[in-house]
N, C-alpha and C. Protein backbone atom coordinates (compact mmCIF):
# COMPACT_ATOMS: atom_id res chain seq x y z
N ALA A 1 -0.51 -8.12 -15.60
CA ALA A 1 0.43 -8.25 -14.58
C ALA A 1 0.32 -9.88 -14.32
N LYS A 2 1.53 -10.52 -14.14
CA LYS A 2 1.85 -11.56 -14.02
C LYS A 2 0.91 -12.86 -14.72
N VAL A 3 0.77 -12.42 -16.04
CA VAL A 3 0.04 -13.26 -17.00
C VAL A 3 0.67 -13.33 -18.29
N GLN A 4 1.18 -14.57 -18.67
CA GLN A 4 1.88 -14.65 -19.99
C GLN A 4 1.04 -14.32 -21.23
N PRO A 5 1.71 -13.54 -22.13
CA PRO A 5 0.82 -13.31 -23.29
C PRO A 5 -0.10 -14.26 -23.92
N LEU A 6 0.45 -15.40 -24.16
CA LEU A 6 -0.27 -16.54 -24.87
C LEU A 6 -1.60 -16.83 -24.20
N ASN A 7 -1.73 -16.55 -23.05
CA ASN A 7 -3.06 -16.83 -22.38
C ASN A 7 -4.24 -15.91 -23.02
N TYR A 8 -3.97 -15.01 -23.92
CA TYR A 8 -4.68 -14.20 -24.72
C TYR A 8 -4.71 -14.64 -26.07
N ALA A 9 -4.13 -15.53 -26.46
CA ALA A 9 -3.93 -16.02 -27.81
C ALA A 9 -5.47 -16.38 -28.47
N ARG A 10 -6.11 -16.69 -27.84
CA ARG A 10 -7.65 -17.03 -28.44
C ARG A 10 -8.30 -15.71 -29.13
N ILE A 11 -8.49 -14.74 -28.02
CA ILE A 11 -8.94 -13.38 -28.61
C ILE A 11 -8.00 -13.05 -29.82
N ALA A 12 -6.59 -13.00 -29.56
CA ALA A 12 -5.78 -12.58 -30.65
C ALA A 12 -6.01 -13.17 -31.83
N GLY A 13 -6.04 -14.46 -31.97
CA GLY A 13 -6.24 -15.46 -32.91
C GLY A 13 -7.49 -15.19 -33.80
N GLU A 14 -8.46 -15.02 -33.12
CA GLU A 14 -9.78 -14.49 -33.60
C GLU A 14 -9.80 -13.36 -34.21
N LEU A 15 -8.92 -12.39 -33.75
CA LEU A 15 -8.99 -11.14 -34.51
C LEU A 15 -8.33 -10.99 -35.64
N GLN A 16 -6.99 -11.81 -35.62
CA GLN A 16 -6.26 -12.20 -36.77
C GLN A 16 -7.16 -12.92 -37.89
N ASN A 17 -7.82 -13.95 -37.56
CA ASN A 17 -8.83 -14.40 -38.56
C ASN A 17 -9.66 -13.59 -39.43
N LYS A 18 -9.82 -12.59 -38.56
CA LYS A 18 -10.90 -11.45 -39.22
C LYS A 18 -10.31 -10.49 -40.00
N GLY A 19 -8.63 -10.43 -40.07
CA GLY A 19 -7.82 -9.88 -40.95
C GLY A 19 -7.13 -8.54 -40.11
N TYR A 20 -7.26 -8.69 -38.81
CA TYR A 20 -6.36 -7.65 -38.21
C TYR A 20 -5.06 -8.21 -37.95
N HIS A 21 -3.95 -7.18 -37.81
CA HIS A 21 -2.81 -7.61 -37.42
C HIS A 21 -2.76 -7.34 -35.79
N VAL A 22 -2.42 -8.25 -34.97
CA VAL A 22 -2.42 -8.36 -33.57
C VAL A 22 -1.05 -8.83 -33.13
N PHE A 23 -0.68 -7.88 -32.04
CA PHE A 23 0.59 -8.10 -31.36
C PHE A 23 0.44 -8.17 -29.92
N LEU A 24 0.84 -9.39 -29.36
CA LEU A 24 0.83 -9.89 -28.07
C LEU A 24 2.03 -9.59 -27.72
N SER A 25 2.50 -8.85 -26.47
CA SER A 25 3.70 -8.40 -26.06
C SER A 25 4.05 -9.26 -24.81
N LYS A 26 5.32 -9.90 -24.89
CA LYS A 26 6.04 -10.35 -23.89
C LYS A 26 6.62 -9.42 -23.01
N MET A 27 6.28 -9.05 -21.56
CA MET A 27 6.87 -7.91 -20.82
C MET A 27 7.94 -8.67 -19.91
N PRO A 28 8.76 -7.68 -19.44
CA PRO A 28 9.88 -8.30 -18.52
C PRO A 28 9.11 -8.49 -17.11
N PHE A 29 9.45 -9.97 -16.88
CA PHE A 29 8.96 -10.48 -15.68
C PHE A 29 7.36 -10.82 -15.45
N THR A 30 6.64 -10.43 -16.80
CA THR A 30 5.24 -10.41 -17.01
C THR A 30 4.78 -9.17 -16.30
N TRP A 31 5.44 -8.04 -16.17
CA TRP A 31 4.84 -6.84 -15.52
C TRP A 31 4.62 -5.80 -16.68
N SER A 32 3.57 -5.29 -17.03
CA SER A 32 3.56 -4.44 -18.22
C SER A 32 4.20 -2.90 -17.88
N PHE A 33 4.10 -2.70 -16.44
CA PHE A 33 4.65 -1.23 -16.30
C PHE A 33 6.28 -1.25 -16.32
N LEU A 34 6.84 -2.23 -16.63
CA LEU A 34 8.36 -2.22 -16.91
C LEU A 34 8.71 -1.95 -18.45
N TYR A 35 7.86 -1.80 -19.29
CA TYR A 35 8.22 -1.61 -20.61
C TYR A 35 6.92 -0.85 -21.24
N ILE A 36 6.55 0.56 -20.84
CA ILE A 36 5.56 1.26 -20.97
C ILE A 36 5.77 1.48 -22.38
N ASP A 37 6.90 1.84 -23.13
CA ASP A 37 7.05 2.17 -24.48
C ASP A 37 7.15 1.15 -25.36
N LEU A 38 6.86 -0.08 -25.05
CA LEU A 38 7.05 -0.99 -26.08
C LEU A 38 5.92 -0.75 -27.34
N ALA A 39 4.84 -0.30 -27.08
CA ALA A 39 4.03 0.04 -28.20
C ALA A 39 4.66 0.92 -29.32
N ALA A 40 5.43 1.88 -28.83
CA ALA A 40 6.18 2.80 -29.83
C ALA A 40 7.09 1.85 -30.69
N GLU A 41 7.67 0.98 -30.02
CA GLU A 41 8.56 0.08 -30.74
C GLU A 41 7.90 -0.52 -31.79
N ILE A 42 6.97 -1.24 -31.50
CA ILE A 42 6.16 -1.97 -32.20
C ILE A 42 5.49 -1.29 -33.54
N ILE A 43 5.02 -0.10 -33.40
CA ILE A 43 4.38 0.70 -34.30
C ILE A 43 5.44 1.19 -35.11
N ASN A 44 6.96 1.41 -34.50
CA ASN A 44 7.79 1.76 -35.60
C ASN A 44 8.32 0.74 -36.47
N ASP A 45 8.25 -0.42 -35.99
CA ASP A 45 8.87 -1.58 -36.68
C ASP A 45 8.03 -1.86 -37.77
N TYR A 46 6.66 -1.52 -37.82
CA TYR A 46 5.57 -1.95 -38.97
C TYR A 46 5.00 -0.41 -39.56
N PRO A 47 5.93 0.21 -40.22
CA PRO A 47 5.44 1.49 -40.76
C PRO A 47 4.45 1.43 -41.87
N GLN A 48 4.40 0.08 -42.41
CA GLN A 48 3.22 -0.07 -43.52
C GLN A 48 1.70 -0.12 -42.91
N ILE A 49 1.81 -0.30 -41.52
CA ILE A 49 0.45 -0.35 -40.95
C ILE A 49 0.11 1.20 -40.53
N GLU A 50 -0.90 1.71 -41.11
CA GLU A 50 -1.27 3.08 -40.93
C GLU A 50 -2.29 3.37 -39.88
N ASN A 51 -3.17 2.43 -39.44
CA ASN A 51 -4.22 2.72 -38.46
C ASN A 51 -3.82 1.54 -37.16
N TRP A 52 -3.93 2.05 -35.97
CA TRP A 52 -3.68 1.07 -34.94
C TRP A 52 -4.78 1.55 -33.81
N VAL A 53 -5.07 0.59 -33.20
CA VAL A 53 -5.89 0.55 -32.02
C VAL A 53 -5.00 -0.39 -30.71
N LEU A 54 -4.75 0.45 -29.61
CA LEU A 54 -4.17 -0.11 -28.40
C LEU A 54 -4.77 -0.46 -27.42
N GLY A 55 -4.37 -1.41 -26.85
CA GLY A 55 -5.11 -1.72 -25.47
C GLY A 55 -4.64 -2.90 -24.78
N GLY A 56 -5.58 -3.34 -23.67
CA GLY A 56 -5.02 -4.30 -22.84
C GLY A 56 -6.14 -4.90 -21.84
N HIS A 57 -5.82 -5.84 -21.20
CA HIS A 57 -6.59 -6.47 -20.11
C HIS A 57 -6.07 -6.06 -18.86
N SER A 58 -6.73 -5.54 -17.81
CA SER A 58 -6.50 -5.16 -16.47
C SER A 58 -5.49 -4.12 -16.48
N LEU A 59 -4.16 -4.56 -15.82
CA LEU A 59 -3.14 -3.64 -15.59
C LEU A 59 -2.54 -3.28 -17.04
N GLY A 60 -2.80 -4.10 -17.93
CA GLY A 60 -2.36 -3.87 -19.43
C GLY A 60 -3.07 -2.61 -20.28
N GLY A 61 -4.31 -2.58 -19.77
CA GLY A 61 -5.00 -1.45 -20.34
C GLY A 61 -4.56 -0.40 -19.69
N ALA A 62 -4.52 -0.31 -18.33
CA ALA A 62 -4.09 1.04 -17.67
C ALA A 62 -2.80 1.45 -18.02
N ILE A 63 -1.71 0.53 -18.40
CA ILE A 63 -0.50 0.81 -18.76
C ILE A 63 -0.40 1.49 -20.21
N ILE A 64 -1.34 0.91 -20.99
CA ILE A 64 -1.39 1.46 -22.54
C ILE A 64 -1.86 2.81 -22.40
N SER A 65 -2.87 3.15 -21.29
CA SER A 65 -3.38 4.45 -21.30
C SER A 65 -2.22 5.42 -20.77
N THR A 66 -1.30 4.87 -19.95
CA THR A 66 -0.15 5.78 -19.68
C THR A 66 0.69 6.03 -20.59
N TYR A 67 0.90 5.09 -21.59
CA TYR A 67 1.84 5.32 -22.85
C TYR A 67 1.20 6.48 -23.63
N MET A 68 -0.15 6.18 -23.97
CA MET A 68 -0.94 7.14 -24.73
C MET A 68 -1.48 8.65 -24.23
N LYS A 69 -1.02 8.70 -22.93
CA LYS A 69 -1.49 10.12 -22.25
C LYS A 69 -1.16 11.28 -23.07
N ASP A 70 0.25 11.22 -23.46
CA ASP A 70 0.77 12.52 -24.07
C ASP A 70 0.87 12.20 -25.64
N ASN A 71 0.43 11.06 -25.95
CA ASN A 71 0.76 10.69 -27.39
C ASN A 71 -0.26 11.44 -28.47
N THR A 72 0.17 11.95 -29.35
CA THR A 72 -1.03 12.43 -30.20
C THR A 72 -0.83 11.94 -31.54
N SER A 73 -0.13 10.69 -31.72
CA SER A 73 -0.07 10.10 -32.94
C SER A 73 -1.36 10.05 -33.74
N GLU A 74 -1.40 10.32 -34.95
CA GLU A 74 -2.47 10.26 -35.65
C GLU A 74 -2.89 8.85 -36.28
N LYS A 75 -1.63 8.03 -36.09
CA LYS A 75 -1.95 6.68 -36.49
C LYS A 75 -2.84 5.80 -35.53
N ILE A 76 -2.87 6.23 -34.29
CA ILE A 76 -3.49 5.52 -33.15
C ILE A 76 -4.98 6.10 -33.27
N LYS A 77 -5.79 5.12 -33.68
CA LYS A 77 -7.35 5.59 -33.93
C LYS A 77 -8.31 5.20 -32.58
N GLY A 78 -7.80 4.43 -31.48
CA GLY A 78 -8.57 4.24 -30.49
C GLY A 78 -7.86 3.19 -29.47
N MET A 79 -8.46 3.12 -28.35
CA MET A 79 -7.93 2.37 -27.30
C MET A 79 -9.08 1.48 -26.71
N PHE A 80 -8.64 0.28 -26.40
CA PHE A 80 -9.61 -0.57 -25.89
C PHE A 80 -9.04 -1.27 -24.43
N PHE A 81 -10.08 -1.38 -23.57
CA PHE A 81 -9.85 -1.71 -22.07
C PHE A 81 -10.68 -3.02 -22.00
N LEU A 82 -10.09 -4.30 -21.74
CA LEU A 82 -10.80 -5.27 -21.18
C LEU A 82 -10.57 -5.45 -19.62
N ALA A 83 -11.73 -5.34 -18.83
CA ALA A 83 -11.71 -5.18 -17.36
C ALA A 83 -10.75 -4.07 -17.07
N SER A 84 -10.89 -3.16 -17.46
CA SER A 84 -9.84 -2.05 -17.11
C SER A 84 -10.31 -0.70 -17.63
N TYR A 85 -9.45 0.37 -17.36
CA TYR A 85 -9.82 1.72 -17.56
C TYR A 85 -8.47 2.35 -17.26
N PRO A 86 -8.23 3.77 -17.92
CA PRO A 86 -7.26 4.58 -17.82
C PRO A 86 -6.83 5.06 -16.58
N ALA A 87 -5.28 4.92 -16.32
CA ALA A 87 -4.71 5.24 -15.19
C ALA A 87 -4.85 6.65 -14.74
N SER A 88 -5.28 7.75 -15.66
CA SER A 88 -5.35 8.89 -15.37
C SER A 88 -6.44 9.59 -16.38
N ASP A 89 -6.70 10.72 -16.20
CA ASP A 89 -7.92 11.48 -16.53
C ASP A 89 -7.93 11.78 -18.23
N TYR A 90 -8.99 11.08 -18.88
CA TYR A 90 -8.82 11.19 -20.26
C TYR A 90 -10.20 11.74 -20.62
N SER A 91 -10.80 12.63 -20.00
CA SER A 91 -12.12 13.12 -20.34
C SER A 91 -11.98 14.21 -21.35
N ALA A 92 -10.86 14.88 -21.40
CA ALA A 92 -10.44 15.80 -22.40
C ALA A 92 -10.15 15.46 -23.80
N ARG A 93 -9.68 14.21 -23.73
CA ARG A 93 -9.32 13.51 -24.96
C ARG A 93 -10.23 13.14 -26.09
N LYS A 94 -9.97 13.37 -27.22
CA LYS A 94 -10.94 13.10 -28.49
C LYS A 94 -10.44 11.61 -28.86
N ILE A 95 -10.00 10.77 -28.18
CA ILE A 95 -9.52 9.55 -28.95
C ILE A 95 -10.85 8.39 -28.36
N PRO A 96 -11.37 7.69 -29.46
CA PRO A 96 -12.47 6.75 -29.18
C PRO A 96 -12.00 5.56 -28.15
N MET A 97 -12.59 5.06 -27.20
CA MET A 97 -12.33 4.28 -26.24
C MET A 97 -13.23 3.24 -26.04
N LEU A 98 -13.04 1.97 -26.18
CA LEU A 98 -13.80 0.89 -25.91
C LEU A 98 -13.57 0.13 -24.52
N TYR A 99 -14.60 0.04 -23.64
CA TYR A 99 -14.44 -0.72 -22.39
C TYR A 99 -15.29 -1.90 -22.37
N ILE A 100 -14.75 -2.96 -22.21
CA ILE A 100 -15.54 -4.19 -21.95
C ILE A 100 -15.34 -4.72 -20.50
N PHE A 101 -16.35 -4.92 -19.89
CA PHE A 101 -16.24 -5.13 -18.49
C PHE A 101 -17.26 -6.64 -18.36
N ALA A 102 -17.01 -7.19 -17.23
CA ALA A 102 -17.62 -8.45 -17.13
C ALA A 102 -18.72 -8.37 -15.77
N GLU A 103 -19.84 -8.85 -15.72
CA GLU A 103 -20.90 -8.77 -14.71
C GLU A 103 -20.21 -9.34 -13.52
N HIS A 104 -19.58 -10.32 -13.65
CA HIS A 104 -19.07 -11.03 -12.22
C HIS A 104 -17.68 -10.76 -11.93
N ASP A 105 -17.10 -9.79 -12.50
CA ASP A 105 -15.67 -9.23 -12.21
C ASP A 105 -15.47 -9.01 -10.60
N GLY A 106 -14.85 -9.65 -9.99
CA GLY A 106 -14.30 -9.50 -8.75
C GLY A 106 -13.28 -8.42 -8.31
N LEU A 107 -12.50 -7.98 -9.49
CA LEU A 107 -11.48 -7.00 -9.27
C LEU A 107 -12.08 -5.76 -9.74
N VAL A 108 -12.58 -5.52 -11.03
CA VAL A 108 -13.07 -4.36 -11.44
C VAL A 108 -14.55 -4.46 -10.98
N THR A 109 -14.80 -4.17 -9.93
CA THR A 109 -16.29 -4.28 -9.22
C THR A 109 -17.11 -2.98 -9.77
N PRO A 110 -18.34 -3.17 -9.93
CA PRO A 110 -19.21 -2.22 -10.18
C PRO A 110 -19.00 -0.78 -9.65
N PRO A 111 -18.77 -0.71 -8.23
CA PRO A 111 -18.46 0.65 -7.84
C PRO A 111 -17.24 1.19 -8.50
N LYS A 112 -15.94 0.47 -8.72
CA LYS A 112 -14.81 0.90 -9.00
C LYS A 112 -15.03 1.46 -10.57
N ARG A 113 -15.63 0.39 -11.25
CA ARG A 113 -16.08 0.65 -12.61
C ARG A 113 -16.64 2.00 -12.81
N ASP A 114 -17.88 2.00 -12.00
CA ASP A 114 -18.72 3.30 -12.37
C ASP A 114 -17.93 4.74 -11.82
N LYS A 115 -17.23 4.58 -10.72
CA LYS A 115 -16.37 5.75 -10.40
C LYS A 115 -15.43 6.04 -11.68
N ALA A 116 -14.76 5.09 -11.95
CA ALA A 116 -13.63 5.30 -13.07
C ALA A 116 -14.51 5.91 -14.34
N MET A 117 -15.55 5.45 -14.72
CA MET A 117 -16.08 5.86 -15.95
C MET A 117 -16.69 7.36 -15.74
N LEU A 118 -17.25 7.67 -14.36
CA LEU A 118 -17.71 9.11 -14.31
C LEU A 118 -16.47 9.93 -14.12
N GLU A 119 -15.37 9.60 -13.40
CA GLU A 119 -14.33 10.68 -13.17
C GLU A 119 -13.35 10.89 -14.29
N ILE A 120 -12.78 9.89 -14.90
CA ILE A 120 -11.84 9.79 -15.81
C ILE A 120 -11.85 9.29 -17.15
N SER A 121 -12.73 8.56 -17.44
CA SER A 121 -12.97 7.70 -18.58
C SER A 121 -14.13 7.98 -19.52
N LYS A 122 -15.24 8.55 -18.96
CA LYS A 122 -16.22 8.96 -19.94
C LYS A 122 -16.06 9.89 -20.71
N THR A 123 -16.08 9.99 -21.97
CA THR A 123 -15.93 10.95 -22.95
C THR A 123 -16.97 10.59 -23.86
N PRO A 124 -17.13 11.48 -24.76
CA PRO A 124 -18.37 11.44 -25.86
C PRO A 124 -17.75 10.49 -26.91
N TYR A 125 -16.45 9.92 -26.85
CA TYR A 125 -16.00 9.16 -27.67
C TYR A 125 -15.72 7.71 -27.06
N SER A 126 -16.59 7.34 -26.16
CA SER A 126 -16.23 6.13 -25.34
C SER A 126 -17.60 5.26 -25.60
N TYR A 127 -17.26 3.89 -25.35
CA TYR A 127 -18.31 2.96 -25.69
C TYR A 127 -18.06 1.97 -24.46
N GLN A 128 -19.11 1.53 -23.87
CA GLN A 128 -19.06 0.74 -22.62
C GLN A 128 -20.09 -0.58 -22.81
N VAL A 129 -19.37 -1.82 -22.76
CA VAL A 129 -20.33 -2.88 -22.82
C VAL A 129 -19.89 -3.90 -21.45
N ILE A 130 -21.02 -4.47 -20.89
CA ILE A 130 -20.74 -5.43 -19.74
C ILE A 130 -21.29 -6.54 -20.50
N ILE A 131 -20.35 -7.83 -20.27
CA ILE A 131 -20.52 -9.14 -20.66
C ILE A 131 -21.32 -9.88 -19.51
N ALA A 132 -22.64 -10.11 -19.65
CA ALA A 132 -23.36 -10.75 -18.81
C ALA A 132 -22.79 -12.20 -18.58
N GLY A 133 -22.57 -12.52 -17.25
CA GLY A 133 -22.17 -13.91 -16.93
C GLY A 133 -20.53 -13.95 -16.75
N GLY A 134 -19.74 -13.15 -17.44
CA GLY A 134 -18.35 -13.05 -17.57
C GLY A 134 -17.79 -12.60 -16.12
N ASN A 135 -16.43 -13.05 -16.01
CA ASN A 135 -15.57 -12.41 -14.79
C ASN A 135 -14.26 -12.00 -15.20
N HIS A 136 -13.44 -11.70 -14.44
CA HIS A 136 -12.04 -10.72 -14.81
C HIS A 136 -11.27 -11.77 -15.62
N ALA A 137 -11.07 -13.17 -15.07
CA ALA A 137 -9.92 -14.08 -15.81
C ALA A 137 -10.72 -14.54 -16.94
N GLY A 138 -11.95 -14.27 -17.38
CA GLY A 138 -12.44 -14.99 -18.44
C GLY A 138 -11.94 -14.33 -19.78
N PHE A 139 -11.43 -13.19 -19.74
CA PHE A 139 -10.74 -12.52 -20.98
C PHE A 139 -9.56 -13.42 -21.46
N GLY A 140 -9.06 -14.00 -20.52
CA GLY A 140 -7.72 -14.78 -21.02
C GLY A 140 -8.15 -16.23 -20.65
N ASN A 141 -6.80 -17.08 -20.61
CA ASN A 141 -7.23 -18.58 -20.37
C ASN A 141 -5.81 -18.83 -19.41
N TYR A 142 -5.97 -18.28 -18.30
CA TYR A 142 -4.94 -18.57 -17.32
C TYR A 142 -5.36 -19.10 -15.82
N GLY A 143 -6.71 -19.49 -16.00
CA GLY A 143 -7.21 -19.97 -14.68
C GLY A 143 -7.74 -18.96 -13.78
N LYS A 144 -8.15 -19.58 -12.55
CA LYS A 144 -8.82 -18.62 -11.52
C LYS A 144 -8.03 -17.66 -11.12
N GLN A 145 -8.28 -16.63 -10.73
CA GLN A 145 -7.66 -15.25 -10.14
C GLN A 145 -8.13 -14.95 -8.80
N SER A 146 -7.14 -14.85 -8.16
CA SER A 146 -7.34 -14.48 -6.58
C SER A 146 -8.49 -13.12 -6.57
N GLY A 147 -9.44 -13.17 -6.00
CA GLY A 147 -10.36 -12.12 -5.74
C GLY A 147 -11.48 -12.04 -6.76
N ASP A 148 -11.31 -12.73 -7.80
CA ASP A 148 -12.26 -12.84 -8.82
C ASP A 148 -13.38 -13.73 -8.35
N ASN A 149 -14.66 -13.38 -8.89
CA ASN A 149 -16.04 -14.21 -8.74
C ASN A 149 -16.05 -15.17 -9.84
N ALA A 150 -16.91 -16.07 -9.66
CA ALA A 150 -17.22 -17.15 -10.47
C ALA A 150 -17.96 -16.80 -11.60
N ALA A 151 -17.67 -17.01 -12.81
CA ALA A 151 -18.42 -16.70 -14.09
C ALA A 151 -19.47 -17.44 -14.17
N THR A 152 -20.57 -17.13 -14.97
CA THR A 152 -21.75 -18.15 -15.41
C THR A 152 -21.70 -18.54 -16.78
N ILE A 153 -20.69 -17.95 -17.39
CA ILE A 153 -20.60 -18.48 -18.75
C ILE A 153 -19.14 -18.96 -18.94
N SER A 154 -18.81 -19.55 -20.05
CA SER A 154 -17.32 -20.22 -20.28
C SER A 154 -16.51 -19.06 -20.74
N ASN A 155 -15.26 -19.31 -20.65
CA ASN A 155 -14.13 -18.42 -21.14
C ASN A 155 -14.51 -18.26 -22.58
N LYS A 156 -14.52 -19.34 -23.10
CA LYS A 156 -14.70 -19.41 -24.74
C LYS A 156 -16.02 -18.29 -25.06
N GLU A 157 -17.06 -18.45 -24.42
CA GLU A 157 -18.35 -17.74 -24.61
C GLU A 157 -17.84 -16.21 -24.29
N GLN A 158 -17.12 -15.90 -23.12
CA GLN A 158 -16.76 -14.54 -23.06
C GLN A 158 -15.90 -14.05 -23.96
N GLN A 159 -14.91 -14.78 -24.51
CA GLN A 159 -13.92 -14.41 -25.38
C GLN A 159 -14.58 -14.15 -26.89
N ASP A 160 -15.61 -15.09 -27.16
CA ASP A 160 -16.15 -14.86 -28.43
C ASP A 160 -16.96 -13.50 -28.15
N GLN A 161 -17.76 -13.05 -27.33
CA GLN A 161 -18.54 -11.94 -27.22
C GLN A 161 -17.57 -10.76 -27.38
N THR A 162 -16.42 -10.91 -26.64
CA THR A 162 -15.23 -9.82 -26.66
C THR A 162 -14.95 -9.80 -28.14
N VAL A 163 -14.62 -10.76 -28.94
CA VAL A 163 -14.03 -10.43 -30.21
C VAL A 163 -15.31 -9.80 -31.14
N LYS A 164 -16.43 -10.23 -30.68
CA LYS A 164 -17.53 -9.73 -31.54
C LYS A 164 -17.64 -8.32 -31.20
N ILE A 165 -17.65 -7.68 -30.11
CA ILE A 165 -17.77 -6.47 -29.75
C ILE A 165 -16.58 -5.60 -30.34
N MET A 166 -15.32 -6.25 -30.15
CA MET A 166 -14.12 -5.38 -30.75
C MET A 166 -14.20 -5.39 -32.28
N THR A 167 -14.44 -6.37 -32.76
CA THR A 167 -14.74 -6.25 -34.34
C THR A 167 -15.57 -5.17 -34.79
N THR A 168 -16.90 -5.24 -33.95
CA THR A 168 -17.82 -4.40 -34.55
C THR A 168 -17.43 -2.79 -34.21
N TRP A 169 -16.70 -2.56 -33.08
CA TRP A 169 -16.15 -1.14 -32.68
C TRP A 169 -14.99 -0.71 -33.77
N ILE A 170 -14.38 -1.75 -34.09
CA ILE A 170 -13.11 -1.42 -34.92
C ILE A 170 -13.64 -1.00 -36.38
N GLU A 171 -14.51 -1.90 -36.64
CA GLU A 171 -15.16 -1.46 -37.99
C GLU A 171 -15.95 -0.01 -38.08
N GLU A 172 -16.46 0.18 -36.83
CA GLU A 172 -17.07 1.46 -37.02
C GLU A 172 -16.22 2.77 -36.83
N LEU A 173 -14.81 2.27 -36.45
CA LEU A 173 -13.95 3.37 -36.47
C LEU A 173 -13.25 3.87 -37.82
N SER A 174 -13.45 2.71 -38.88
CA SER A 174 -12.86 2.91 -40.10
C SER A 174 -13.65 3.99 -40.79
């Protein structure tokens, strides 16, 4: 929401350097909820890619979960959420989900995170990591975010940890 996709270029670039195809999507007016089905178009445009992992940061993660709610495509092997969680109940789904949260996140606070994980997000197929010292905005490079707490690690360190966690998780999906 209101963040340009290139602000996530560092994480995307590092994942590309590891051999993954990464797609950063430009959304109308930078609001992901205005183009919920964009993932379907991207997947259809690249039929040679057989395995997909979809996800996003903050509202982007919630929106991809809205797209995935009734999607049963066998091409989609998992979903990831950076400072995010699904917008609806996924407890009955058998899709692997990775949740990466940040210790000092002022938007997805521990009570919000814990409630979501207990009520809608926790499944036997989910994996949760909390990055010590990180904050909400540290997953991208867009500056300070209103309502967020100060991080005690750099954005680079938070993003490096994010890439490492994501890479390990994706390799385990294979």
